[in-house]
Structure formats: structure tokens, C-alpha cells
Amino acid sequence: MRVAIPVDENHPGTAVCASLARAPYYLIKDTETEETTFVENTAANSQGGAGVKAAQLLVDQKVDALLTPRCGQNAAEVLTAAKMEIYKTEYPSAKENLQAFKSSLLAALTEFHAGFHGHGEGHGNGGQ
């Protein structure tokens, strides 16, 4: 089984990235061979549709399960259409979440947000 996690850096001790679509990298772990690879997220700097592009990147990588803190509705539709399982991360590091996944301690992610269209608009405007 190939398991992916959005991460901040491309090394084994990396933290989970809070954003699936804008994560710099995805850590992909093959649970059968124990091989770990890092894939650059080419969708991270997209003007729009980053979630769908990131989801398609994971589908193209033949990922079976995704561990992520949250996921947008459009990305979730792409992932579920590809029969990918989606689980909610519970720990700060990728390594901890992989261990929890192997021990069946992570719950399925079932709530998907509408996305952050207009990235940043209406936030941090000084309370106006």
C-alpha cells in the first residue's frame, strides 16, 4: 500500500503540512517495501485549482491512502473517485502519523471544507 502525507520538508523527520493543496512536498511510504520517497507538489503555487491539481498528482503517484489534517471538497472528489482512502492526521510529525496509521489509530476524514478560493481574501484585514 502506498500512503501519502503532505509535508513541509523533504526529509524523514519532517512535520505534516497543514495544507494539502499548498504543501511543498508529499512523503510517500510504501508499507510493503518500507521505501520512502518525496514528491514535489507542482500544484503548490497554482493561481487556482491547487487542490484538484494536488489530488491528481497523488492519484498519478498511485497512492492508496492519504493522511492529512484537512482536505477541500474538490480535492476529496478527485481522491474518492480514484478509490483513495483519506485519514485525518493526529500528530505533528509524518513519522508519528505513519506509525498511527499502521496501528489503525487514525480515523477516516469525513468532513471536507469548501476550499479557500480567493486565498487570503477577507482575512487579516484589521477587523474592517
N, C-alpha and C. Protein backbone atom coordinates (compact mmCIF):
# COMPACT_ATOMS: atom_id res chain seq x y z
N MET A 1 0.84 -1.18 0.00
CA MET A 1 0.00 0.00 0.00
C MET A 1 0.88 1.24 0.00
N ARG A 2 0.51 2.21 -0.82
CA ARG A 2 1.25 3.47 -0.88
C ARG A 2 0.46 4.54 -0.12
N VAL A 3 1.12 5.15 0.88
CA VAL A 3 0.49 6.12 1.76
C VAL A 3 1.19 7.47 1.58
N ALA A 4 0.41 8.52 1.40
CA ALA A 4 0.97 9.86 1.20
C ALA A 4 0.58 10.79 2.35
N ILE A 5 1.49 11.74 2.64
CA ILE A 5 1.26 12.77 3.65
C ILE A 5 1.80 14.09 3.11
N PRO A 6 1.02 15.19 3.20
CA PRO A 6 1.57 16.49 2.82
C PRO A 6 2.57 16.93 3.89
N VAL A 7 3.78 17.30 3.47
CA VAL A 7 4.84 17.64 4.43
C VAL A 7 5.53 18.95 4.08
N ASP A 8 6.20 19.52 5.09
CA ASP A 8 6.88 20.80 4.94
C ASP A 8 8.25 20.69 4.28
N GLU A 9 8.95 19.57 4.53
CA GLU A 9 10.31 19.41 4.01
C GLU A 9 10.50 18.00 3.47
N ASN A 10 11.54 17.82 2.68
CA ASN A 10 11.77 16.50 2.06
C ASN A 10 12.82 15.70 2.82
N HIS A 11 12.55 15.46 4.12
CA HIS A 11 13.37 14.55 4.91
C HIS A 11 12.48 13.80 5.89
N PRO A 12 12.91 12.62 6.34
CA PRO A 12 12.06 11.73 7.15
C PRO A 12 11.51 12.35 8.44
N GLY A 13 12.21 13.28 9.05
CA GLY A 13 11.75 13.87 10.31
C GLY A 13 10.82 15.05 10.15
N THR A 14 10.32 15.26 8.96
CA THR A 14 9.53 16.45 8.64
C THR A 14 8.17 16.47 9.36
N ALA A 15 7.65 17.69 9.46
CA ALA A 15 6.33 17.89 10.04
C ALA A 15 5.27 17.77 8.94
N VAL A 16 4.06 17.43 9.37
CA VAL A 16 2.91 17.39 8.47
C VAL A 16 2.57 18.84 8.11
N CYS A 17 2.31 19.10 6.85
CA CYS A 17 1.89 20.43 6.40
C CYS A 17 0.38 20.56 6.62
N ALA A 18 -0.04 21.72 7.11
CA ALA A 18 -1.47 21.95 7.40
C ALA A 18 -2.32 22.01 6.13
N SER A 19 -1.69 22.29 4.99
CA SER A 19 -2.43 22.43 3.74
C SER A 19 -2.10 21.29 2.77
N LEU A 20 -3.11 20.57 2.36
CA LEU A 20 -2.90 19.51 1.37
C LEU A 20 -2.49 20.11 0.03
N ALA A 21 -3.23 21.12 -0.43
CA ALA A 21 -3.01 21.69 -1.76
C ALA A 21 -1.73 22.49 -1.87
N ARG A 22 -1.34 23.16 -0.79
CA ARG A 22 -0.18 24.06 -0.83
C ARG A 22 1.07 23.49 -0.17
N ALA A 23 1.04 22.21 0.19
CA ALA A 23 2.21 21.56 0.78
C ALA A 23 3.37 21.59 -0.21
N PRO A 24 4.58 21.88 0.25
CA PRO A 24 5.72 21.87 -0.67
C PRO A 24 6.03 20.48 -1.22
N TYR A 25 5.81 19.45 -0.38
CA TYR A 25 6.15 18.08 -0.76
C TYR A 25 5.08 17.11 -0.26
N TYR A 26 5.11 15.90 -0.82
CA TYR A 26 4.34 14.78 -0.30
C TYR A 26 5.33 13.67 0.00
N LEU A 27 5.25 13.15 1.21
CA LEU A 27 6.01 11.97 1.57
C LEU A 27 5.15 10.79 1.16
N ILE A 28 5.73 9.87 0.42
CA ILE A 28 5.01 8.66 0.01
C ILE A 28 5.76 7.46 0.55
N LYS A 29 5.06 6.68 1.35
CA LYS A 29 5.64 5.50 2.01
C LYS A 29 4.96 4.25 1.44
N ASP A 30 5.77 3.34 0.96
CA ASP A 30 5.27 2.04 0.53
C ASP A 30 5.33 1.13 1.75
N THR A 31 4.18 0.74 2.27
CA THR A 31 4.15 -0.04 3.51
C THR A 31 4.62 -1.48 3.33
N GLU A 32 4.71 -1.95 2.09
CA GLU A 32 5.19 -3.31 1.85
C GLU A 32 6.71 -3.35 1.74
N THR A 33 7.29 -2.39 1.01
CA THR A 33 8.74 -2.38 0.83
C THR A 33 9.45 -1.48 1.83
N GLU A 34 8.67 -0.64 2.57
CA GLU A 34 9.20 0.35 3.51
C GLU A 34 9.97 1.47 2.82
N GLU A 35 9.87 1.56 1.50
CA GLU A 35 10.55 2.62 0.75
C GLU A 35 9.81 3.95 0.96
N THR A 36 10.58 5.00 1.22
CA THR A 36 10.03 6.34 1.38
C THR A 36 10.55 7.22 0.25
N THR A 37 9.65 7.93 -0.42
CA THR A 37 10.05 8.87 -1.45
C THR A 37 9.36 10.21 -1.17
N PHE A 38 9.92 11.25 -1.72
CA PHE A 38 9.33 12.58 -1.61
C PHE A 38 9.04 13.09 -3.01
N VAL A 39 7.85 13.63 -3.18
CA VAL A 39 7.42 14.17 -4.46
C VAL A 39 7.15 15.65 -4.27
N GLU A 40 7.73 16.48 -5.14
CA GLU A 40 7.47 17.91 -5.07
C GLU A 40 6.04 18.18 -5.53
N ASN A 41 5.35 19.03 -4.79
CA ASN A 41 3.98 19.39 -5.15
C ASN A 41 4.02 20.50 -6.20
N THR A 42 3.85 20.13 -7.44
CA THR A 42 3.89 21.09 -8.54
C THR A 42 2.65 21.98 -8.56
N ALA A 43 1.64 21.67 -7.76
CA ALA A 43 0.41 22.47 -7.70
C ALA A 43 0.48 23.56 -6.64
N ALA A 44 1.49 23.53 -5.78
CA ALA A 44 1.56 24.41 -4.62
C ALA A 44 1.44 25.90 -4.95
N ASN A 45 1.98 26.33 -6.08
CA ASN A 45 1.95 27.74 -6.43
C ASN A 45 0.93 28.09 -7.50
N SER A 46 -0.01 27.19 -7.72
CA SER A 46 -1.05 27.43 -8.72
C SER A 46 -1.93 28.62 -8.32
N GLN A 47 -2.34 29.40 -9.29
CA GLN A 47 -3.23 30.52 -9.02
C GLN A 47 -4.60 30.05 -8.56
N GLY A 48 -5.06 28.95 -9.12
CA GLY A 48 -6.37 28.40 -8.74
C GLY A 48 -6.38 26.91 -8.99
N GLY A 49 -7.29 26.23 -8.33
CA GLY A 49 -7.43 24.79 -8.54
C GLY A 49 -6.31 23.96 -7.97
N ALA A 50 -5.58 24.51 -6.99
CA ALA A 50 -4.44 23.78 -6.43
C ALA A 50 -4.86 22.46 -5.80
N GLY A 51 -6.02 22.43 -5.15
CA GLY A 51 -6.48 21.20 -4.51
C GLY A 51 -6.71 20.08 -5.50
N VAL A 52 -7.38 20.40 -6.59
CA VAL A 52 -7.66 19.39 -7.61
C VAL A 52 -6.35 18.94 -8.26
N LYS A 53 -5.45 19.88 -8.54
CA LYS A 53 -4.16 19.53 -9.16
C LYS A 53 -3.32 18.67 -8.22
N ALA A 54 -3.32 19.01 -6.93
CA ALA A 54 -2.57 18.23 -5.95
C ALA A 54 -3.16 16.83 -5.83
N ALA A 55 -4.48 16.73 -5.80
CA ALA A 55 -5.15 15.43 -5.71
C ALA A 55 -4.79 14.58 -6.92
N GLN A 56 -4.80 15.18 -8.11
CA GLN A 56 -4.47 14.42 -9.32
C GLN A 56 -3.02 13.96 -9.29
N LEU A 57 -2.13 14.78 -8.74
CA LEU A 57 -0.73 14.39 -8.59
C LEU A 57 -0.63 13.12 -7.73
N LEU A 58 -1.39 13.06 -6.64
CA LEU A 58 -1.38 11.89 -5.76
C LEU A 58 -1.98 10.67 -6.46
N VAL A 59 -3.03 10.87 -7.22
CA VAL A 59 -3.63 9.78 -8.00
C VAL A 59 -2.59 9.25 -8.99
N ASP A 60 -1.90 10.16 -9.67
CA ASP A 60 -0.88 9.77 -10.65
C ASP A 60 0.27 9.00 -10.01
N GLN A 61 0.52 9.26 -8.72
CA GLN A 61 1.57 8.56 -7.98
C GLN A 61 1.09 7.20 -7.46
N LYS A 62 -0.15 6.84 -7.79
CA LYS A 62 -0.74 5.56 -7.39
C LYS A 62 -0.80 5.38 -5.87
N VAL A 63 -1.18 6.47 -5.19
CA VAL A 63 -1.33 6.45 -3.74
C VAL A 63 -2.65 5.76 -3.39
N ASP A 64 -2.61 4.91 -2.36
CA ASP A 64 -3.80 4.19 -1.91
C ASP A 64 -4.50 4.88 -0.76
N ALA A 65 -3.72 5.58 0.09
CA ALA A 65 -4.28 6.24 1.26
C ALA A 65 -3.57 7.57 1.48
N LEU A 66 -4.33 8.56 1.91
CA LEU A 66 -3.81 9.89 2.20
C LEU A 66 -4.02 10.18 3.67
N LEU A 67 -2.98 10.67 4.33
CA LEU A 67 -3.06 11.12 5.72
C LEU A 67 -2.89 12.63 5.70
N THR A 68 -3.91 13.38 6.13
CA THR A 68 -3.87 14.84 6.02
C THR A 68 -4.70 15.48 7.13
N PRO A 69 -4.31 16.69 7.57
CA PRO A 69 -5.11 17.35 8.60
C PRO A 69 -6.48 17.79 8.10
N ARG A 70 -6.55 18.16 6.82
CA ARG A 70 -7.83 18.58 6.23
C ARG A 70 -7.74 18.46 4.72
N CYS A 71 -8.92 18.54 4.08
CA CYS A 71 -8.97 18.36 2.64
C CYS A 71 -10.17 19.13 2.10
N GLY A 72 -9.99 19.81 1.00
CA GLY A 72 -11.08 20.53 0.37
C GLY A 72 -12.02 19.60 -0.38
N GLN A 73 -13.23 20.06 -0.58
CA GLN A 73 -14.27 19.25 -1.22
C GLN A 73 -13.87 18.83 -2.64
N ASN A 74 -13.35 19.76 -3.43
CA ASN A 74 -12.99 19.43 -4.82
C ASN A 74 -11.88 18.39 -4.88
N ALA A 75 -10.87 18.55 -4.01
CA ALA A 75 -9.78 17.56 -3.96
C ALA A 75 -10.32 16.21 -3.50
N ALA A 76 -11.20 16.22 -2.50
CA ALA A 76 -11.77 14.98 -1.98
C ALA A 76 -12.53 14.22 -3.07
N GLU A 77 -13.22 14.95 -3.93
CA GLU A 77 -13.96 14.30 -5.01
C GLU A 77 -13.02 13.56 -5.97
N VAL A 78 -11.88 14.19 -6.27
CA VAL A 78 -10.88 13.55 -7.15
C VAL A 78 -10.32 12.30 -6.47
N LEU A 79 -9.98 12.44 -5.18
CA LEU A 79 -9.37 11.33 -4.44
C LEU A 79 -10.33 10.16 -4.27
N THR A 80 -11.57 10.44 -3.90
CA THR A 80 -12.53 9.36 -3.68
C THR A 80 -12.93 8.69 -5.00
N ALA A 81 -12.96 9.46 -6.08
CA ALA A 81 -13.24 8.87 -7.40
C ALA A 81 -12.16 7.85 -7.77
N ALA A 82 -10.94 8.08 -7.28
CA ALA A 82 -9.82 7.17 -7.53
C ALA A 82 -9.74 6.07 -6.47
N LYS A 83 -10.76 6.00 -5.60
CA LYS A 83 -10.83 4.98 -4.55
C LYS A 83 -9.73 5.13 -3.51
N MET A 84 -9.23 6.35 -3.32
CA MET A 84 -8.20 6.60 -2.32
C MET A 84 -8.87 6.80 -0.96
N GLU A 85 -8.31 6.18 0.06
CA GLU A 85 -8.80 6.35 1.43
C GLU A 85 -8.18 7.62 2.00
N ILE A 86 -8.94 8.37 2.80
CA ILE A 86 -8.45 9.62 3.38
C ILE A 86 -8.59 9.54 4.89
N TYR A 87 -7.48 9.77 5.59
CA TYR A 87 -7.45 9.71 7.05
C TYR A 87 -6.98 11.04 7.63
N LYS A 88 -7.46 11.36 8.82
CA LYS A 88 -7.10 12.60 9.49
C LYS A 88 -5.85 12.40 10.32
N THR A 89 -4.84 13.24 10.09
CA THR A 89 -3.62 13.17 10.89
C THR A 89 -3.93 13.65 12.31
N GLU A 90 -3.20 13.12 13.27
CA GLU A 90 -3.41 13.46 14.68
C GLU A 90 -2.14 13.93 15.36
N TYR A 91 -1.00 13.84 14.69
CA TYR A 91 0.29 14.14 15.30
C TYR A 91 1.06 15.15 14.45
N PRO A 92 2.01 15.86 15.04
CA PRO A 92 2.75 16.88 14.28
C PRO A 92 3.71 16.32 13.22
N SER A 93 4.28 15.13 13.46
CA SER A 93 5.27 14.61 12.51
C SER A 93 4.69 13.57 11.57
N ALA A 94 5.27 13.49 10.39
CA ALA A 94 4.85 12.48 9.41
C ALA A 94 5.10 11.08 9.97
N LYS A 95 6.24 10.89 10.64
CA LYS A 95 6.60 9.58 11.17
C LYS A 95 5.56 9.09 12.18
N GLU A 96 5.13 9.96 13.09
CA GLU A 96 4.13 9.57 14.10
C GLU A 96 2.81 9.17 13.44
N ASN A 97 2.41 9.92 12.43
CA ASN A 97 1.15 9.61 11.74
C ASN A 97 1.24 8.31 10.97
N LEU A 98 2.38 8.02 10.37
CA LEU A 98 2.56 6.75 9.67
C LEU A 98 2.46 5.58 10.65
N GLN A 99 3.08 5.74 11.83
CA GLN A 99 3.01 4.69 12.84
C GLN A 99 1.57 4.49 13.31
N ALA A 100 0.86 5.60 13.52
CA ALA A 100 -0.54 5.52 13.95
C ALA A 100 -1.40 4.86 12.87
N PHE A 101 -1.12 5.18 11.61
CA PHE A 101 -1.87 4.57 10.50
C PHE A 101 -1.64 3.05 10.48
N LYS A 102 -0.40 2.64 10.61
CA LYS A 102 -0.07 1.20 10.60
C LYS A 102 -0.77 0.47 11.74
N SER A 103 -0.99 1.18 12.85
CA SER A 103 -1.65 0.58 14.03
C SER A 103 -3.16 0.79 14.00
N SER A 104 -3.68 1.29 12.89
CA SER A 104 -5.12 1.55 12.72
C SER A 104 -5.67 2.52 13.76
N LEU A 105 -4.88 3.55 14.10
CA LEU A 105 -5.29 4.52 15.11
C LEU A 105 -5.82 5.83 14.52
N LEU A 106 -5.73 5.99 13.21
CA LEU A 106 -6.22 7.22 12.59
C LEU A 106 -7.65 7.01 12.09
N ALA A 107 -8.48 8.01 12.31
CA ALA A 107 -9.87 7.96 11.86
C ALA A 107 -9.97 8.44 10.42
N ALA A 108 -10.98 7.95 9.73
CA ALA A 108 -11.24 8.43 8.37
C ALA A 108 -11.61 9.90 8.42
N LEU A 109 -11.14 10.67 7.47
CA LEU A 109 -11.51 12.08 7.35
C LEU A 109 -12.81 12.12 6.55
N THR A 110 -13.85 12.62 7.17
CA THR A 110 -15.17 12.61 6.52
C THR A 110 -15.74 14.00 6.32
N GLU A 111 -15.12 15.03 6.91
CA GLU A 111 -15.60 16.40 6.73
C GLU A 111 -14.62 17.13 5.83
N PHE A 112 -15.15 17.66 4.75
CA PHE A 112 -14.31 18.36 3.78
C PHE A 112 -14.75 19.82 3.69
N HIS A 113 -13.78 20.72 3.67
CA HIS A 113 -14.13 22.15 3.61
C HIS A 113 -14.36 22.58 2.17
N ALA A 114 -15.00 23.72 2.03
CA ALA A 114 -15.35 24.23 0.70
C ALA A 114 -14.13 24.70 -0.07
N GLY A 115 -13.01 24.83 0.59
CA GLY A 115 -11.80 25.31 -0.07
C GLY A 115 -11.55 26.75 0.29
N PHE A 116 -10.39 27.24 -0.04
CA PHE A 116 -10.02 28.61 0.27
C PHE A 116 -9.88 29.40 -1.01
N HIS A 117 -10.96 29.47 -1.75
CA HIS A 117 -10.94 30.20 -3.02
C HIS A 117 -10.71 31.67 -2.74
N GLY A 118 -9.89 32.32 -3.55
CA GLY A 118 -9.52 33.70 -3.30
C GLY A 118 -8.52 33.78 -2.17
N HIS A 119 -7.74 32.74 -2.00
CA HIS A 119 -6.71 32.53 -0.98
C HIS A 119 -6.32 33.81 -0.24
N GLY A 120 -6.79 33.95 0.98
CA GLY A 120 -6.39 35.07 1.82
C GLY A 120 -7.34 36.24 1.82
N GLU A 121 -8.28 36.29 0.90
CA GLU A 121 -9.20 37.43 0.85
C GLU A 121 -10.11 37.40 2.07
N GLY A 122 -10.31 38.58 2.66
CA GLY A 122 -11.21 38.69 3.78
C GLY A 122 -10.58 38.27 5.10
N HIS A 123 -9.31 37.94 5.11
CA HIS A 123 -8.64 37.55 6.34
C HIS A 123 -7.54 38.55 6.64
N GLY A 124 -7.36 38.86 7.92
CA GLY A 124 -6.28 39.75 8.33
C GLY A 124 -6.43 41.16 7.83
N ASN A 125 -7.66 41.65 7.75
CA ASN A 125 -7.86 43.00 7.21
C ASN A 125 -8.02 44.03 8.32
N GLY A 126 -7.47 43.71 9.51
CA GLY A 126 -7.50 44.67 10.60
C GLY A 126 -8.89 44.83 11.21
N GLY A 127 -9.76 43.88 11.02
CA GLY A 127 -11.09 43.92 11.63
C GLY A 127 -12.07 44.82 10.91
N GLN A 128 -11.75 45.20 9.70
CA GLN A 128 -12.64 46.10 8.96
C GLN A 128 -13.80 45.38 8.35
